[in-house]
Structure formats: structure tokens, C-alpha cells
Amino acid sequence: MKKIQILGTGCPKCEKLAEHARLAAEGIGIEFEIEKVKDITEIMNLGVMMTPAIAVDGEVKSSGKLLSVEEIKEVLNG
């Protein structure tokens, strides 16, 4: 099971990124869990300075950008 973390304070872009992540994971048929990380200290501890960001299994894959569903599929397959 992949653990997908959406890092951000809950802004509209963060919510959209969470939706894109869910659609991407469902689209490629993997088991997944989405966690929204809103605590700024925890986000900074992961080395993220710009949100929204996405991490997979604890590794930050993108920050400061709203990835498309297709881009997230590539991240999850990679």
C-alpha cells in the first residue's frame, strides 16, 4: 500500500492536489492511503518550503506545484 501525503495548510490548491492524487491512484489501481499534513512544522521538517506538496511513502516528490492526475500517475508508477 502506498502512503500519499498532501502537504499544505488546506488551501484550495492543496485540496485539488488531494483530489488529483486520489484519482491517479484509483486510475492505476493501487492500494493507497491519503494523509493530509497541515502542521507547518511537520511540513518544514520534510524539507518543504512551498505548498502544495506531495510525498509518497515519506519521500517528497513535488512541492510548490499543483500536479495533474497524469503527473501524479507517473510519480506513483516511478
PDB file of N, CA and C in Angstrom:
ATOM      1  N   MET A   1       0.851  -1.186   0.000  1.00  0.00           N
ATOM      2  CA  MET A   1       0.000   0.000   0.000  1.00  0.00           C
ATOM      3  C   MET A   1       0.891   1.241   0.000  1.00  0.00           C
ATOM      4  N   LYS A   2       0.562   2.182  -0.872  1.00  0.00           N
ATOM      5  CA  LYS A   2       1.295   3.450  -0.944  1.00  0.00           C
ATOM      6  C   LYS A   2       0.682   4.438   0.039  1.00  0.00           C
ATOM      7  N   LYS A   3       1.550   5.158   0.735  1.00  0.00           N
ATOM      8  CA  LYS A   3       1.098   6.228   1.617  1.00  0.00           C
ATOM      9  C   LYS A   3       1.358   7.541   0.896  1.00  0.00           C
ATOM     10  N   ILE A   4       0.291   8.233   0.548  1.00  0.00           N
ATOM     11  CA  ILE A   4       0.380   9.505  -0.163  1.00  0.00           C
ATOM     12  C   ILE A   4       0.084  10.613   0.841  1.00  0.00           C
ATOM     13  N   GLN A   5       1.027  11.538   0.974  1.00  0.00           N
ATOM     14  CA  GLN A   5       0.826  12.661   1.886  1.00  0.00           C
ATOM     15  C   GLN A   5       0.675  13.937   1.069  1.00  0.00           C
ATOM     16  N   ILE A   6      -0.366  14.687   1.383  1.00  0.00           N
ATOM     17  CA  ILE A   6      -0.586  16.005   0.790  1.00  0.00           C
ATOM     18  C   ILE A   6      -0.149  17.014   1.841  1.00  0.00           C
ATOM     19  N   LEU A   7       0.863  17.795   1.506  1.00  0.00           N
ATOM     20  CA  LEU A   7       1.426  18.743   2.453  1.00  0.00           C
ATOM     21  C   LEU A   7       0.949  20.148   2.118  1.00  0.00           C
ATOM     22  N   GLY A   8       0.219  20.743   3.052  1.00  0.00           N
ATOM     23  CA  GLY A   8      -0.302  22.085   2.845  1.00  0.00           C
ATOM     24  C   GLY A   8      -1.300  22.434   3.920  1.00  0.00           C
ATOM     25  N   THR A   9      -1.614  23.704   4.005  1.00  0.00           N
ATOM     26  CA  THR A   9      -2.458  24.184   5.105  1.00  0.00           C
ATOM     27  C   THR A   9      -3.955  24.033   4.846  1.00  0.00           C
ATOM     28  N   GLY A  10      -4.323  23.437   3.730  1.00  0.00           N
ATOM     29  CA  GLY A  10      -5.738  23.253   3.443  1.00  0.00           C
ATOM     30  C   GLY A  10      -6.278  24.240   2.430  1.00  0.00           C
ATOM     31  N   CYS A  11      -5.392  24.904   1.710  1.00  0.00           N
ATOM     32  CA  CYS A  11      -5.800  25.871   0.695  1.00  0.00           C
ATOM     33  C   CYS A  11      -6.480  25.136  -0.470  1.00  0.00           C
ATOM     34  N   PRO A  12      -7.179  25.868  -1.345  1.00  0.00           N
ATOM     35  CA  PRO A  12      -7.856  25.215  -2.483  1.00  0.00           C
ATOM     36  C   PRO A  12      -6.911  24.376  -3.347  1.00  0.00           C
ATOM     37  N   LYS A  13      -5.675  24.839  -3.553  1.00  0.00           N
ATOM     38  CA  LYS A  13      -4.723  24.050  -4.361  1.00  0.00           C
ATOM     39  C   LYS A  13      -4.362  22.741  -3.661  1.00  0.00           C
ATOM     40  N   CYS A  14      -4.253  22.789  -2.342  1.00  0.00           N
ATOM     41  CA  CYS A  14      -3.946  21.577  -1.571  1.00  0.00           C
ATOM     42  C   CYS A  14      -5.093  20.576  -1.687  1.00  0.00           C
ATOM     43  N   GLU A  15      -6.303  21.077  -1.586  1.00  0.00           N
ATOM     44  CA  GLU A  15      -7.478  20.203  -1.704  1.00  0.00           C
ATOM     45  C   GLU A  15      -7.553  19.590  -3.108  1.00  0.00           C
ATOM     46  N   LYS A  16      -7.241  20.387  -4.128  1.00  0.00           N
ATOM     47  CA  LYS A  16      -7.258  19.908  -5.510  1.00  0.00           C
ATOM     48  C   LYS A  16      -6.172  18.850  -5.711  1.00  0.00           C
ATOM     49  N   LEU A  17      -4.995  19.060  -5.110  1.00  0.00           N
ATOM     50  CA  LEU A  17      -3.917  18.085  -5.212  1.00  0.00           C
ATOM     51  C   LEU A  17      -4.332  16.759  -4.576  1.00  0.00           C
ATOM     52  N   ALA A  18      -5.029  16.813  -3.459  1.00  0.00           N
ATOM     53  CA  ALA A  18      -5.515  15.591  -2.810  1.00  0.00           C
ATOM     54  C   ALA A  18      -6.495  14.863  -3.721  1.00  0.00           C
ATOM     55  N   GLU A  19      -7.374  15.619  -4.360  1.00  0.00           N
ATOM     56  CA  GLU A  19      -8.341  15.024  -5.290  1.00  0.00           C
ATOM     57  C   GLU A  19      -7.615  14.381  -6.481  1.00  0.00           C
ATOM     58  N   HIS A  20      -6.632  15.079  -7.035  1.00  0.00           N
ATOM     59  CA  HIS A  20      -5.857  14.541  -8.157  1.00  0.00           C
ATOM     60  C   HIS A  20      -5.118  13.264  -7.746  1.00  0.00           C
ATOM     61  N   ALA A  21      -4.566  13.253  -6.526  1.00  0.00           N
ATOM     62  CA  ALA A  21      -3.843  12.078  -6.035  1.00  0.00           C
ATOM     63  C   ALA A  21      -4.777  10.882  -5.926  1.00  0.00           C
ATOM     64  N   ARG A  22      -5.977  11.115  -5.405  1.00  0.00           N
ATOM     65  CA  ARG A  22      -6.956  10.028  -5.275  1.00  0.00           C
ATOM     66  C   ARG A  22      -7.333   9.483  -6.649  1.00  0.00           C
ATOM     67  N   LEU A  23      -7.610  10.379  -7.589  1.00  0.00           N
ATOM     68  CA  LEU A  23      -7.984   9.952  -8.940  1.00  0.00           C
ATOM     69  C   LEU A  23      -6.841   9.193  -9.619  1.00  0.00           C
ATOM     70  N   ALA A  24      -5.619   9.650  -9.419  1.00  0.00           N
ATOM     71  CA  ALA A  24      -4.456   8.992 -10.027  1.00  0.00           C
ATOM     72  C   ALA A  24      -4.274   7.587  -9.464  1.00  0.00           C
ATOM     73  N   ALA A  25      -4.339   7.465  -8.142  1.00  0.00           N
ATOM     74  CA  ALA A  25      -4.145   6.161  -7.503  1.00  0.00           C
ATOM     75  C   ALA A  25      -5.254   5.187  -7.904  1.00  0.00           C
ATOM     76  N   GLU A  26      -6.493   5.678  -7.930  1.00  0.00           N
ATOM     77  CA  GLU A  26      -7.605   4.829  -8.371  1.00  0.00           C
ATOM     78  C   GLU A  26      -7.436   4.458  -9.840  1.00  0.00           C
ATOM     79  N   GLY A  27      -6.942   5.402 -10.631  1.00  0.00           N
ATOM     80  CA  GLY A  27      -6.781   5.188 -12.064  1.00  0.00           C
ATOM     81  C   GLY A  27      -5.783   4.100 -12.405  1.00  0.00           C
ATOM     82  N   ILE A  28      -4.736   3.969 -11.583  1.00  0.00           N
ATOM     83  CA  ILE A  28      -3.757   2.909 -11.864  1.00  0.00           C
ATOM     84  C   ILE A  28      -4.013   1.661 -11.018  1.00  0.00           C
ATOM     85  N   GLY A  29      -5.049   1.724 -10.184  1.00  0.00           N
ATOM     86  CA  GLY A  29      -5.496   0.529  -9.470  1.00  0.00           C
ATOM     87  C   GLY A  29      -4.584   0.064  -8.346  1.00  0.00           C
ATOM     88  N   ILE A  30      -3.990   1.002  -7.610  1.00  0.00           N
ATOM     89  CA  ILE A  30      -3.144   0.595  -6.480  1.00  0.00           C
ATOM     90  C   ILE A  30      -3.887   0.806  -5.174  1.00  0.00           C
ATOM     91  N   GLU A  31      -3.429   0.084  -4.143  1.00  0.00           N
ATOM     92  CA  GLU A  31      -3.953   0.328  -2.805  1.00  0.00           C
ATOM     93  C   GLU A  31      -3.226   1.539  -2.255  1.00  0.00           C
ATOM     94  N   PHE A  32      -3.964   2.446  -1.643  1.00  0.00           N
ATOM     95  CA  PHE A  32      -3.345   3.674  -1.165  1.00  0.00           C
ATOM     96  C   PHE A  32      -4.078   4.221   0.043  1.00  0.00           C
ATOM     97  N   GLU A  33      -3.373   5.109   0.730  1.00  0.00           N
ATOM     98  CA  GLU A  33      -3.932   5.860   1.854  1.00  0.00           C
ATOM     99  C   GLU A  33      -3.481   7.300   1.641  1.00  0.00           C
ATOM    100  N   ILE A  34      -4.401   8.235   1.773  1.00  0.00           N
ATOM    101  CA  ILE A  34      -4.050   9.650   1.649  1.00  0.00           C
ATOM    102  C   ILE A  34      -4.114  10.299   3.022  1.00  0.00           C
ATOM    103  N   GLU A  35      -3.033  10.976   3.363  1.00  0.00           N
ATOM    104  CA  GLU A  35      -2.953  11.703   4.624  1.00  0.00           C
ATOM    105  C   GLU A  35      -2.714  13.166   4.295  1.00  0.00           C
ATOM    106  N   LYS A  36      -3.497  14.038   4.905  1.00  0.00           N
ATOM    107  CA  LYS A  36      -3.296  15.478   4.725  1.00  0.00           C
ATOM    108  C   LYS A  36      -2.481  15.993   5.897  1.00  0.00           C
ATOM    109  N   VAL A  37      -1.310  16.537   5.587  1.00  0.00           N
ATOM    110  CA  VAL A  37      -0.418  17.077   6.607  1.00  0.00           C
ATOM    111  C   VAL A  37      -0.558  18.592   6.578  1.00  0.00           C
ATOM    112  N   LYS A  38      -1.176  19.143   7.633  1.00  0.00           N
ATOM    113  CA  LYS A  38      -1.443  20.580   7.674  1.00  0.00           C
ATOM    114  C   LYS A  38      -0.550  21.320   8.667  1.00  0.00           C
ATOM    115  N   ASP A  39       0.173  20.585   9.504  1.00  0.00           N
ATOM    116  CA  ASP A  39       1.034  21.203  10.509  1.00  0.00           C
ATOM    117  C   ASP A  39       2.294  21.756   9.839  1.00  0.00           C
ATOM    118  N   ILE A  40       2.483  23.067   9.921  1.00  0.00           N
ATOM    119  CA  ILE A  40       3.574  23.732   9.209  1.00  0.00           C
ATOM    120  C   ILE A  40       4.944  23.236   9.670  1.00  0.00           C
ATOM    121  N   THR A  41       5.079  22.900  10.956  1.00  0.00           N
ATOM    122  CA  THR A  41       6.351  22.382  11.463  1.00  0.00           C
ATOM    123  C   THR A  41       6.667  21.029  10.839  1.00  0.00           C
ATOM    124  N   GLU A  42       5.677  20.175  10.766  1.00  0.00           N
ATOM    125  CA  GLU A  42       5.860  18.853  10.156  1.00  0.00           C
ATOM    126  C   GLU A  42       6.197  18.992   8.666  1.00  0.00           C
ATOM    127  N   ILE A  43       5.525  19.921   7.992  1.00  0.00           N
ATOM    128  CA  ILE A  43       5.796  20.170   6.563  1.00  0.00           C
ATOM    129  C   ILE A  43       7.242  20.630   6.380  1.00  0.00           C
ATOM    130  N   MET A  44       7.688  21.561   7.219  1.00  0.00           N
ATOM    131  CA  MET A  44       9.059  22.070   7.120  1.00  0.00           C
ATOM    132  C   MET A  44      10.077  20.993   7.474  1.00  0.00           C
ATOM    133  N   ASN A  45       9.739  20.107   8.396  1.00  0.00           N
ATOM    134  CA  ASN A  45      10.640  19.013   8.766  1.00  0.00           C
ATOM    135  C   ASN A  45      10.871  18.055   7.595  1.00  0.00           C
ATOM    136  N   LEU A  46       9.927  18.020   6.668  1.00  0.00           N
ATOM    137  CA  LEU A  46      10.099  17.200   5.465  1.00  0.00           C
ATOM    138  C   LEU A  46      10.890  17.948   4.389  1.00  0.00           C
ATOM    139  N   GLY A  47      11.299  19.176   4.699  1.00  0.00           N
ATOM    140  CA  GLY A  47      12.108  19.950   3.766  1.00  0.00           C
ATOM    141  C   GLY A  47      11.309  20.734   2.752  1.00  0.00           C
ATOM    142  N   VAL A  48       9.999  20.862   2.981  1.00  0.00           N
ATOM    143  CA  VAL A  48       9.131  21.569   2.038  1.00  0.00           C
ATOM    144  C   VAL A  48       8.991  23.022   2.467  1.00  0.00           C
ATOM    145  N   MET A  49       9.294  23.926   1.531  1.00  0.00           N
ATOM    146  CA  MET A  49       9.162  25.356   1.812  1.00  0.00           C
ATOM    147  C   MET A  49       7.995  25.978   1.044  1.00  0.00           C
ATOM    148  N   MET A  50       7.529  25.285  -0.004  1.00  0.00           N
ATOM    149  CA  MET A  50       6.405  25.795  -0.792  1.00  0.00           C
ATOM    150  C   MET A  50       5.340  24.714  -0.921  1.00  0.00           C
ATOM    151  N   THR A  51       4.100  25.106  -0.682  1.00  0.00           N
ATOM    152  CA  THR A  51       2.983  24.163  -0.829  1.00  0.00           C
ATOM    153  C   THR A  51       2.151  24.587  -2.030  1.00  0.00           C
ATOM    154  N   PRO A  52       1.343  23.714  -2.571  1.00  0.00           N
ATOM    155  CA  PRO A  52       1.109  22.348  -2.117  1.00  0.00           C
ATOM    156  C   PRO A  52       2.281  21.443  -2.471  1.00  0.00           C
ATOM    157  N   ALA A  53       2.417  20.377  -1.710  1.00  0.00           N
ATOM    158  CA  ALA A  53       3.462  19.392  -1.970  1.00  0.00           C
ATOM    159  C   ALA A  53       2.863  18.003  -1.814  1.00  0.00           C
ATOM    160  N   ILE A  54       3.525  17.037  -2.436  1.00  0.00           N
ATOM    161  CA  ILE A  54       3.076  15.653  -2.332  1.00  0.00           C
ATOM    162  C   ILE A  54       4.277  14.777  -2.001  1.00  0.00           C
ATOM    163  N   ALA A  55       4.071  13.863  -1.068  1.00  0.00           N
ATOM    164  CA  ALA A  55       5.094  12.884  -0.704  1.00  0.00           C
ATOM    165  C   ALA A  55       4.479  11.495  -0.849  1.00  0.00           C
ATOM    166  N   VAL A  56       5.300  10.558  -1.284  1.00  0.00           N
ATOM    167  CA  VAL A  56       4.866   9.170  -1.415  1.00  0.00           C
ATOM    168  C   VAL A  56       5.803   8.320  -0.577  1.00  0.00           C
ATOM    169  N   ASP A  57       5.217   7.563   0.347  1.00  0.00           N
ATOM    170  CA  ASP A  57       5.991   6.717   1.262  1.00  0.00           C
ATOM    171  C   ASP A  57       7.106   7.509   1.944  1.00  0.00           C
ATOM    172  N   GLY A  58       6.794   8.746   2.354  1.00  0.00           N
ATOM    173  CA  GLY A  58       7.720   9.560   3.117  1.00  0.00           C
ATOM    174  C   GLY A  58       8.734  10.350   2.301  1.00  0.00           C
ATOM    175  N   GLU A  59       8.717  10.212   0.981  1.00  0.00           N
ATOM    176  CA  GLU A  59       9.660  10.921   0.119  1.00  0.00           C
ATOM    177  C   GLU A  59       8.921  12.002  -0.671  1.00  0.00           C
ATOM    178  N   VAL A  60       9.369  13.251  -0.503  1.00  0.00           N
ATOM    179  CA  VAL A  60       8.731  14.370  -1.199  1.00  0.00           C
ATOM    180  C   VAL A  60       8.992  14.235  -2.699  1.00  0.00           C
ATOM    181  N   LYS A  61       7.917  14.280  -3.485  1.00  0.00           N
ATOM    182  CA  LYS A  61       8.022  14.120  -4.936  1.00  0.00           C
ATOM    183  C   LYS A  61       7.849  15.433  -5.686  1.00  0.00           C
ATOM    184  N   SER A  62       7.140  16.382  -5.090  1.00  0.00           N
ATOM    185  CA  SER A  62       6.895  17.672  -5.737  1.00  0.00           C
ATOM    186  C   SER A  62       6.475  18.679  -4.683  1.00  0.00           C
ATOM    187  N   SER A  63       6.908  19.939  -4.879  1.00  0.00           N
ATOM    188  CA  SER A  63       6.433  20.991  -3.980  1.00  0.00           C
ATOM    189  C   SER A  63       6.276  22.285  -4.763  1.00  0.00           C
ATOM    190  N   GLY A  64       5.317  23.084  -4.312  1.00  0.00           N
ATOM    191  CA  GLY A  64       5.069  24.379  -4.928  1.00  0.00           C
ATOM    192  C   GLY A  64       4.331  24.314  -6.247  1.00  0.00           C
ATOM    193  N   LYS A  65       3.745  23.165  -6.553  1.00  0.00           N
ATOM    194  CA  LYS A  65       3.078  22.991  -7.843  1.00  0.00           C
ATOM    195  C   LYS A  65       1.870  22.076  -7.685  1.00  0.00           C
ATOM    196  N   LEU A  66       0.811  22.402  -8.385  1.00  0.00           N
ATOM    197  CA  LEU A  66      -0.372  21.551  -8.419  1.00  0.00           C
ATOM    198  C   LEU A  66      -0.196  20.572  -9.574  1.00  0.00           C
ATOM    199  N   LEU A  67       0.163  19.332  -9.245  1.00  0.00           N
ATOM    200  CA  LEU A  67       0.369  18.318 -10.279  1.00  0.00           C
ATOM    201  C   LEU A  67      -0.961  17.853 -10.855  1.00  0.00           C
ATOM    202  N   SER A  68      -0.947  17.506 -12.131  1.00  0.00           N
ATOM    203  CA  SER A  68      -2.137  16.952 -12.773  1.00  0.00           C
ATOM    204  C   SER A  68      -2.291  15.485 -12.377  1.00  0.00           C
ATOM    205  N   VAL A  69      -3.432  14.915 -12.680  1.00  0.00           N
ATOM    206  CA  VAL A  69      -3.677  13.495 -12.411  1.00  0.00           C
ATOM    207  C   VAL A  69      -2.623  12.652 -13.141  1.00  0.00           C
ATOM    208  N   GLU A  70      -2.337  12.985 -14.396  1.00  0.00           N
ATOM    209  CA  GLU A  70      -1.355  12.222 -15.180  1.00  0.00           C
ATOM    210  C   GLU A  70       0.041  12.331 -14.575  1.00  0.00           C
ATOM    211  N   GLU A  71       0.428  13.518 -14.107  1.00  0.00           N
ATOM    212  CA  GLU A  71       1.742  13.689 -13.476  1.00  0.00           C
ATOM    213  C   GLU A  71       1.853  12.853 -12.200  1.00  0.00           C
ATOM    214  N   ILE A  72       0.782  12.793 -11.447  1.00  0.00           N
ATOM    215  CA  ILE A  72       0.802  12.006 -10.212  1.00  0.00           C
ATOM    216  C   ILE A  72       0.859  10.510 -10.531  1.00  0.00           C
ATOM    217  N   LYS A  73       0.190  10.093 -11.595  1.00  0.00           N
ATOM    218  CA  LYS A  73       0.305   8.685 -12.015  1.00  0.00           C
ATOM    219  C   LYS A  73       1.755   8.324 -12.282  1.00  0.00           C
ATOM    220  N   GLU A  74       2.492   9.221 -12.957  1.00  0.00           N
ATOM    221  CA  GLU A  74       3.907   8.993 -13.236  1.00  0.00           C
ATOM    222  C   GLU A  74       4.718   8.884 -11.940  1.00  0.00           C
ATOM    223  N   VAL A  75       4.411   9.755 -10.982  1.00  0.00           N
ATOM    224  CA  VAL A  75       5.093   9.724  -9.689  1.00  0.00           C
ATOM    225  C   VAL A  75       4.825   8.391  -8.983  1.00  0.00           C
ATOM    226  N   LEU A  76       3.574   7.960  -8.995  1.00  0.00           N
ATOM    227  CA  LEU A  76       3.212   6.723  -8.297  1.00  0.00           C
ATOM    228  C   LEU A  76       3.791   5.490  -8.982  1.00  0.00           C
ATOM    229  N   ASN A  77       3.909   5.530 -10.287  1.00  0.00           N
ATOM    230  CA  ASN A  77       4.484   4.394 -11.025  1.00  0.00           C
ATOM    231  C   ASN A  77       6.002   4.365 -10.943  1.00  0.00           C
ATOM    232  N   GLY A  78       6.596   5.536 -10.700  1.00  0.00           N
ATOM    233  CA  GLY A  78       8.050   5.659 -10.672  1.00  0.00           C
ATOM    234  C   GLY A  78       8.624   5.072  -9.449  1.00  0.00           C
TER     235      GLY A  78
END
